[in-house]
Amino acid sequence: MLESSLFYETENYTLYSEQNSYLKIDWKTKVASEQIRQGLQEALEVMQASGIKKLVSNTIQCSSSWTSSNEWIASTWLPQALQNGLQRVAFVTSDDVMQKISIDNLKTKLQKKYRFIYRYFQVFQQEKNALDWLSES
């Protein structure tokens, strides 16, 4: 049985770890840009405090576009996370058109800023595949 540690739970997301091997943030319904930033900052703080180096960002239940947050993720959050030892981040998305547009926009921004981004960042439609990828490193 996996042991979970709950760090934050809001109406917009739940942030927890599984056996201290990875951190997971489950996004709920619609989230505004400010809430996305808050959740990812809290994830970064937990990673720093706990030493956890892998993150799953599950947006399957989220019906919001992240496009307005993508520049902040690429320019501010990801550099901080990498500086603090982030090894991998897996985004789990649905086949929702808005999510696809948002994640494609984020991938484009990341490819422009980071030469080897796919070493650290991948997108999946199945959580199991994301967890398998996280466990490879």
N, C-alpha and C. Protein backbone atom coordinates (compact mmCIF):
# COMPACT_ATOMS: atom_id res chain seq x y z
N MET A 1 0.84 -1.18 0.00
CA MET A 1 0.00 0.00 0.00
C MET A 1 0.88 1.24 0.00
N LEU A 2 0.56 2.20 -0.87
CA LEU A 2 1.31 3.44 -0.94
C LEU A 2 0.94 4.35 0.22
N GLU A 3 1.94 4.98 0.78
CA GLU A 3 1.70 5.94 1.86
C GLU A 3 1.71 7.34 1.26
N SER A 4 0.62 8.08 1.49
CA SER A 4 0.50 9.44 0.98
C SER A 4 0.70 10.45 2.09
N SER A 5 1.28 11.59 1.74
CA SER A 5 1.40 12.71 2.65
C SER A 5 0.72 13.91 2.00
N LEU A 6 -0.33 14.41 2.63
CA LEU A 6 -1.06 15.57 2.11
C LEU A 6 -0.38 16.84 2.59
N PHE A 7 -0.09 17.75 1.65
CA PHE A 7 0.55 19.02 1.99
C PHE A 7 -0.42 20.19 1.92
N TYR A 8 -1.20 20.26 0.85
CA TYR A 8 -2.17 21.34 0.68
C TYR A 8 -3.40 20.78 0.01
N GLU A 9 -4.56 21.30 0.41
CA GLU A 9 -5.79 20.99 -0.30
C GLU A 9 -6.64 22.24 -0.33
N THR A 10 -6.96 22.69 -1.54
CA THR A 10 -7.80 23.86 -1.72
C THR A 10 -8.95 23.45 -2.62
N GLU A 11 -9.83 24.39 -2.90
CA GLU A 11 -10.93 24.07 -3.83
C GLU A 11 -10.41 23.92 -5.25
N ASN A 12 -9.17 24.34 -5.51
CA ASN A 12 -8.61 24.29 -6.85
C ASN A 12 -7.61 23.17 -7.10
N TYR A 13 -6.98 22.68 -6.05
CA TYR A 13 -5.98 21.62 -6.23
C TYR A 13 -5.70 20.91 -4.91
N THR A 14 -5.12 19.71 -5.06
CA THR A 14 -4.63 18.94 -3.93
C THR A 14 -3.16 18.64 -4.21
N LEU A 15 -2.31 18.87 -3.21
CA LEU A 15 -0.87 18.66 -3.35
C LEU A 15 -0.43 17.64 -2.32
N TYR A 16 0.14 16.52 -2.78
CA TYR A 16 0.55 15.45 -1.87
C TYR A 16 1.71 14.66 -2.47
N SER A 17 2.31 13.82 -1.65
CA SER A 17 3.38 12.95 -2.15
C SER A 17 2.97 11.51 -1.97
N GLU A 18 3.55 10.65 -2.78
CA GLU A 18 3.36 9.21 -2.68
C GLU A 18 4.70 8.61 -2.28
N GLN A 19 4.77 8.05 -1.09
CA GLN A 19 5.98 7.41 -0.56
C GLN A 19 7.21 8.30 -0.67
N ASN A 20 7.01 9.59 -0.64
CA ASN A 20 8.11 10.55 -0.79
C ASN A 20 8.95 10.34 -2.04
N SER A 21 8.41 9.62 -3.04
CA SER A 21 9.18 9.42 -4.27
C SER A 21 8.82 10.46 -5.33
N TYR A 22 7.63 11.01 -5.27
CA TYR A 22 7.25 12.09 -6.17
C TYR A 22 6.14 12.91 -5.52
N LEU A 23 6.04 14.13 -5.98
CA LEU A 23 5.00 15.05 -5.53
C LEU A 23 3.94 15.08 -6.61
N LYS A 24 2.69 15.16 -6.20
CA LYS A 24 1.60 15.19 -7.18
C LYS A 24 0.66 16.33 -6.85
N ILE A 25 0.28 17.05 -7.89
CA ILE A 25 -0.73 18.10 -7.75
C ILE A 25 -1.88 17.76 -8.69
N ASP A 26 -3.04 17.52 -8.10
CA ASP A 26 -4.26 17.24 -8.86
C ASP A 26 -5.06 18.53 -8.95
N TRP A 27 -5.22 19.03 -10.16
CA TRP A 27 -5.96 20.26 -10.39
C TRP A 27 -7.44 19.93 -10.53
N LYS A 28 -8.30 20.77 -9.95
CA LYS A 28 -9.75 20.54 -9.96
C LYS A 28 -10.45 21.65 -10.75
N THR A 29 -11.42 21.28 -11.51
CA THR A 29 -12.30 22.19 -12.26
C THR A 29 -11.53 23.36 -12.88
N LYS A 30 -12.11 24.54 -12.81
CA LYS A 30 -11.47 25.72 -13.40
C LYS A 30 -10.51 26.36 -12.41
N VAL A 31 -9.36 26.75 -12.90
CA VAL A 31 -8.39 27.47 -12.06
C VAL A 31 -7.92 28.70 -12.82
N ALA A 32 -7.78 29.78 -12.09
CA ALA A 32 -7.28 31.03 -12.67
C ALA A 32 -5.76 31.02 -12.64
N SER A 33 -5.17 31.92 -13.40
CA SER A 33 -3.72 32.02 -13.47
C SER A 33 -3.10 32.17 -12.09
N GLU A 34 -3.68 32.99 -11.25
CA GLU A 34 -3.15 33.19 -9.89
C GLU A 34 -3.15 31.88 -9.09
N GLN A 35 -4.18 31.08 -9.27
CA GLN A 35 -4.26 29.80 -8.55
C GLN A 35 -3.24 28.80 -9.08
N ILE A 36 -3.00 28.84 -10.37
CA ILE A 36 -1.97 27.97 -10.95
C ILE A 36 -0.61 28.34 -10.37
N ARG A 37 -0.32 29.62 -10.32
CA ARG A 37 0.95 30.07 -9.76
C ARG A 37 1.07 29.70 -8.29
N GLN A 38 0.00 29.88 -7.54
CA GLN A 38 0.03 29.54 -6.12
C GLN A 38 0.30 28.05 -5.93
N GLY A 39 -0.41 27.21 -6.68
CA GLY A 39 -0.22 25.77 -6.55
C GLY A 39 1.18 25.33 -6.91
N LEU A 40 1.71 25.87 -8.00
CA LEU A 40 3.07 25.49 -8.41
C LEU A 40 4.12 26.04 -7.46
N GLN A 41 3.90 27.23 -6.90
CA GLN A 41 4.83 27.76 -5.89
C GLN A 41 4.82 26.88 -4.64
N GLU A 42 3.63 26.46 -4.22
CA GLU A 42 3.56 25.58 -3.05
C GLU A 42 4.24 24.25 -3.34
N ALA A 43 4.08 23.75 -4.56
CA ALA A 43 4.77 22.51 -4.94
C ALA A 43 6.28 22.70 -4.85
N LEU A 44 6.76 23.84 -5.33
CA LEU A 44 8.20 24.14 -5.27
C LEU A 44 8.68 24.20 -3.83
N GLU A 45 7.92 24.85 -2.96
CA GLU A 45 8.29 24.94 -1.55
C GLU A 45 8.34 23.55 -0.90
N VAL A 46 7.37 22.70 -1.21
CA VAL A 46 7.37 21.34 -0.66
C VAL A 46 8.57 20.56 -1.19
N MET A 47 8.88 20.71 -2.49
CA MET A 47 10.04 20.01 -3.05
C MET A 47 11.32 20.45 -2.35
N GLN A 48 11.45 21.75 -2.10
CA GLN A 48 12.64 22.26 -1.42
C GLN A 48 12.74 21.70 -0.01
N ALA A 49 11.64 21.70 0.72
CA ALA A 49 11.65 21.26 2.12
C ALA A 49 11.80 19.75 2.27
N SER A 50 11.25 19.00 1.32
CA SER A 50 11.21 17.54 1.46
C SER A 50 12.34 16.82 0.73
N GLY A 51 12.93 17.49 -0.25
CA GLY A 51 13.95 16.83 -1.07
C GLY A 51 13.36 16.01 -2.21
N ILE A 52 12.05 16.04 -2.39
CA ILE A 52 11.41 15.33 -3.50
C ILE A 52 11.79 16.06 -4.79
N LYS A 53 12.19 15.30 -5.82
CA LYS A 53 12.74 15.89 -7.04
C LYS A 53 11.88 15.65 -8.28
N LYS A 54 10.71 15.03 -8.11
CA LYS A 54 9.86 14.72 -9.26
C LYS A 54 8.44 15.19 -8.98
N LEU A 55 7.77 15.66 -10.05
CA LEU A 55 6.43 16.22 -9.90
C LEU A 55 5.51 15.70 -10.99
N VAL A 56 4.29 15.35 -10.60
CA VAL A 56 3.21 15.04 -11.54
C VAL A 56 2.18 16.16 -11.41
N SER A 57 1.87 16.81 -12.50
CA SER A 57 0.83 17.83 -12.54
C SER A 57 -0.33 17.26 -13.34
N ASN A 58 -1.40 16.86 -12.64
CA ASN A 58 -2.53 16.18 -13.26
C ASN A 58 -3.64 17.18 -13.53
N THR A 59 -3.87 17.47 -14.81
CA THR A 59 -4.89 18.45 -15.20
C THR A 59 -6.12 17.80 -15.84
N ILE A 60 -6.28 16.50 -15.68
CA ILE A 60 -7.39 15.80 -16.34
C ILE A 60 -8.75 16.37 -15.92
N GLN A 61 -8.92 16.71 -14.65
CA GLN A 61 -10.19 17.25 -14.16
C GLN A 61 -10.31 18.77 -14.35
N CYS A 62 -9.27 19.38 -14.83
CA CYS A 62 -9.21 20.84 -14.96
C CYS A 62 -9.73 21.25 -16.33
N SER A 63 -10.64 22.20 -16.34
CA SER A 63 -11.20 22.65 -17.62
C SER A 63 -10.70 24.03 -18.02
N SER A 64 -9.61 24.47 -17.43
CA SER A 64 -9.07 25.80 -17.71
C SER A 64 -7.94 25.74 -18.72
N SER A 65 -7.78 26.83 -19.44
CA SER A 65 -6.61 27.02 -20.28
C SER A 65 -5.49 27.57 -19.41
N TRP A 66 -4.29 27.05 -19.59
CA TRP A 66 -3.13 27.50 -18.82
C TRP A 66 -2.29 28.50 -19.62
N THR A 67 -2.72 28.86 -20.79
CA THR A 67 -1.91 29.69 -21.68
C THR A 67 -1.42 30.96 -21.01
N SER A 68 -2.26 31.59 -20.19
CA SER A 68 -1.86 32.84 -19.54
C SER A 68 -0.78 32.63 -18.48
N SER A 69 -0.57 31.39 -18.05
CA SER A 69 0.46 31.09 -17.04
C SER A 69 1.73 30.51 -17.64
N ASN A 70 1.70 30.17 -18.91
CA ASN A 70 2.82 29.45 -19.51
C ASN A 70 4.13 30.24 -19.51
N GLU A 71 4.07 31.53 -19.76
CA GLU A 71 5.30 32.32 -19.76
C GLU A 71 5.91 32.33 -18.36
N TRP A 72 5.08 32.46 -17.34
CA TRP A 72 5.56 32.44 -15.95
C TRP A 72 6.17 31.07 -15.62
N ILE A 73 5.52 29.99 -16.06
CA ILE A 73 6.05 28.65 -15.81
C ILE A 73 7.43 28.51 -16.45
N ALA A 74 7.53 28.92 -17.72
CA ALA A 74 8.79 28.77 -18.46
C ALA A 74 9.89 29.70 -17.97
N SER A 75 9.55 30.93 -17.61
CA SER A 75 10.56 31.93 -17.28
C SER A 75 10.89 32.03 -15.80
N THR A 76 9.95 31.67 -14.94
CA THR A 76 10.14 31.86 -13.51
C THR A 76 10.13 30.54 -12.74
N TRP A 77 9.04 29.80 -12.87
CA TRP A 77 8.88 28.61 -12.04
C TRP A 77 9.89 27.51 -12.39
N LEU A 78 9.96 27.14 -13.67
CA LEU A 78 10.84 26.03 -14.04
C LEU A 78 12.31 26.32 -13.74
N PRO A 79 12.84 27.51 -14.02
CA PRO A 79 14.23 27.76 -13.63
C PRO A 79 14.46 27.61 -12.12
N GLN A 80 13.52 28.08 -11.31
CA GLN A 80 13.64 27.92 -9.86
C GLN A 80 13.61 26.44 -9.48
N ALA A 81 12.68 25.70 -10.10
CA ALA A 81 12.56 24.28 -9.79
C ALA A 81 13.82 23.52 -10.19
N LEU A 82 14.36 23.81 -11.37
CA LEU A 82 15.59 23.14 -11.80
C LEU A 82 16.77 23.51 -10.91
N GLN A 83 16.83 24.76 -10.51
CA GLN A 83 17.90 25.21 -9.61
C GLN A 83 17.82 24.49 -8.26
N ASN A 84 16.62 24.13 -7.87
CA ASN A 84 16.42 23.43 -6.59
C ASN A 84 16.40 21.92 -6.74
N GLY A 85 16.86 21.41 -7.88
CA GLY A 85 17.05 19.98 -8.03
C GLY A 85 15.95 19.20 -8.71
N LEU A 86 14.95 19.89 -9.29
CA LEU A 86 13.90 19.16 -10.00
C LEU A 86 14.54 18.26 -11.05
N GLN A 87 14.16 16.99 -11.04
CA GLN A 87 14.68 16.04 -12.03
C GLN A 87 13.70 15.85 -13.18
N ARG A 88 12.41 15.77 -12.86
CA ARG A 88 11.41 15.54 -13.90
C ARG A 88 10.06 16.10 -13.47
N VAL A 89 9.32 16.60 -14.47
CA VAL A 89 7.94 17.00 -14.26
C VAL A 89 7.10 16.40 -15.38
N ALA A 90 6.05 15.70 -14.99
CA ALA A 90 5.15 15.06 -15.95
C ALA A 90 3.79 15.74 -15.86
N PHE A 91 3.30 16.21 -16.99
CA PHE A 91 1.95 16.75 -17.07
C PHE A 91 1.04 15.66 -17.60
N VAL A 92 -0.05 15.42 -16.89
CA VAL A 92 -1.07 14.46 -17.33
C VAL A 92 -2.27 15.29 -17.76
N THR A 93 -2.65 15.16 -19.03
CA THR A 93 -3.73 15.99 -19.58
C THR A 93 -4.81 15.12 -20.19
N SER A 94 -5.96 15.73 -20.37
CA SER A 94 -7.06 15.05 -21.06
C SER A 94 -6.93 15.34 -22.55
N ASP A 95 -7.90 14.88 -23.32
CA ASP A 95 -7.88 15.18 -24.75
C ASP A 95 -8.70 16.44 -25.06
N ASP A 96 -8.98 17.24 -24.04
CA ASP A 96 -9.69 18.50 -24.21
C ASP A 96 -8.89 19.43 -25.13
N VAL A 97 -9.57 20.06 -26.07
CA VAL A 97 -8.91 20.91 -27.05
C VAL A 97 -8.17 22.07 -26.39
N MET A 98 -8.79 22.71 -25.40
CA MET A 98 -8.15 23.84 -24.72
C MET A 98 -6.88 23.40 -23.99
N GLN A 99 -6.92 22.22 -23.38
CA GLN A 99 -5.71 21.71 -22.72
C GLN A 99 -4.61 21.44 -23.74
N LYS A 100 -4.98 20.88 -24.88
CA LYS A 100 -3.97 20.60 -25.91
C LYS A 100 -3.33 21.90 -26.41
N ILE A 101 -4.14 22.92 -26.62
CA ILE A 101 -3.60 24.21 -27.07
C ILE A 101 -2.67 24.78 -26.01
N SER A 102 -3.11 24.73 -24.76
CA SER A 102 -2.29 25.26 -23.65
C SER A 102 -0.96 24.52 -23.53
N ILE A 103 -1.00 23.20 -23.57
CA ILE A 103 0.22 22.43 -23.37
C ILE A 103 1.15 22.57 -24.58
N ASP A 104 0.58 22.67 -25.78
CA ASP A 104 1.42 22.91 -26.96
C ASP A 104 2.11 24.27 -26.86
N ASN A 105 1.39 25.27 -26.36
CA ASN A 105 1.97 26.59 -26.15
C ASN A 105 3.11 26.52 -25.14
N LEU A 106 2.91 25.79 -24.05
CA LEU A 106 3.96 25.64 -23.04
C LEU A 106 5.17 24.92 -23.61
N LYS A 107 4.93 23.84 -24.36
CA LYS A 107 6.06 23.10 -24.96
C LYS A 107 6.88 24.01 -25.88
N THR A 108 6.19 24.83 -26.66
CA THR A 108 6.89 25.75 -27.56
C THR A 108 7.77 26.72 -26.77
N LYS A 109 7.23 27.29 -25.71
CA LYS A 109 8.00 28.22 -24.87
C LYS A 109 9.20 27.52 -24.25
N LEU A 110 9.00 26.30 -23.77
CA LEU A 110 10.09 25.57 -23.13
C LEU A 110 11.17 25.18 -24.12
N GLN A 111 10.78 24.78 -25.32
CA GLN A 111 11.76 24.41 -26.34
C GLN A 111 12.64 25.59 -26.72
N LYS A 112 12.08 26.80 -26.70
CA LYS A 112 12.86 27.99 -27.03
C LYS A 112 13.86 28.33 -25.93
N LYS A 113 13.54 28.01 -24.69
CA LYS A 113 14.37 28.40 -23.55
C LYS A 113 15.35 27.32 -23.11
N TYR A 114 15.00 26.05 -23.34
CA TYR A 114 15.80 24.95 -22.79
C TYR A 114 16.11 23.95 -23.90
N ARG A 115 17.38 23.76 -24.13
CA ARG A 115 17.82 22.89 -25.22
C ARG A 115 17.40 21.43 -25.01
N PHE A 116 17.51 20.93 -23.80
CA PHE A 116 17.22 19.52 -23.53
C PHE A 116 15.98 19.36 -22.67
N ILE A 117 14.93 20.13 -22.97
CA ILE A 117 13.76 20.17 -22.10
C ILE A 117 13.11 18.80 -21.93
N TYR A 118 13.14 17.94 -22.94
CA TYR A 118 12.43 16.66 -22.80
C TYR A 118 13.12 15.70 -21.84
N ARG A 119 14.30 16.06 -21.38
CA ARG A 119 14.94 15.31 -20.31
C ARG A 119 14.19 15.54 -19.00
N TYR A 120 13.57 16.72 -18.88
CA TYR A 120 12.92 17.13 -17.62
C TYR A 120 11.40 17.18 -17.69
N PHE A 121 10.84 17.31 -18.87
CA PHE A 121 9.43 17.64 -19.03
C PHE A 121 8.80 16.74 -20.08
N GLN A 122 7.69 16.07 -19.71
CA GLN A 122 6.95 15.25 -20.67
C GLN A 122 5.45 15.41 -20.41
N VAL A 123 4.66 15.14 -21.44
CA VAL A 123 3.20 15.23 -21.36
C VAL A 123 2.63 13.85 -21.65
N PHE A 124 1.63 13.46 -20.86
CA PHE A 124 1.01 12.14 -20.98
C PHE A 124 -0.50 12.28 -20.88
N GLN A 125 -1.22 11.33 -21.47
CA GLN A 125 -2.67 11.27 -21.30
C GLN A 125 -3.06 10.19 -20.30
N GLN A 126 -2.13 9.35 -19.91
CA GLN A 126 -2.37 8.30 -18.93
C GLN A 126 -1.43 8.51 -17.75
N GLU A 127 -1.99 8.55 -16.55
CA GLU A 127 -1.14 8.76 -15.37
C GLU A 127 -0.12 7.64 -15.20
N LYS A 128 -0.50 6.42 -15.52
CA LYS A 128 0.43 5.29 -15.37
C LYS A 128 1.69 5.52 -16.21
N ASN A 129 1.52 6.02 -17.43
CA ASN A 129 2.68 6.29 -18.29
C ASN A 129 3.56 7.39 -17.69
N ALA A 130 2.93 8.39 -17.09
CA ALA A 130 3.69 9.46 -16.44
C ALA A 130 4.51 8.90 -15.28
N LEU A 131 3.89 8.05 -14.48
CA LEU A 131 4.59 7.48 -13.32
C LEU A 131 5.71 6.54 -13.76
N ASP A 132 5.49 5.80 -14.84
CA ASP A 132 6.55 4.94 -15.39
C ASP A 132 7.75 5.79 -15.82
N TRP A 133 7.49 6.91 -16.49
CA TRP A 133 8.56 7.79 -16.94
C TRP A 133 9.31 8.38 -15.75
N LEU A 134 8.56 8.80 -14.71
CA LEU A 134 9.22 9.35 -13.52
C LEU A 134 10.13 8.33 -12.87
N SER A 135 9.72 7.07 -12.87
CA SER A 135 10.51 6.04 -12.18
C SER A 135 11.74 5.62 -12.97
N GLU A 136 11.85 6.02 -14.23
CA GLU A 136 13.02 5.67 -15.04
C GLU A 136 14.30 6.34 -14.55
N SER A 137 14.17 7.47 -13.91
CA SER A 137 15.39 8.18 -13.51
C SER A 137 15.69 7.98 -12.04
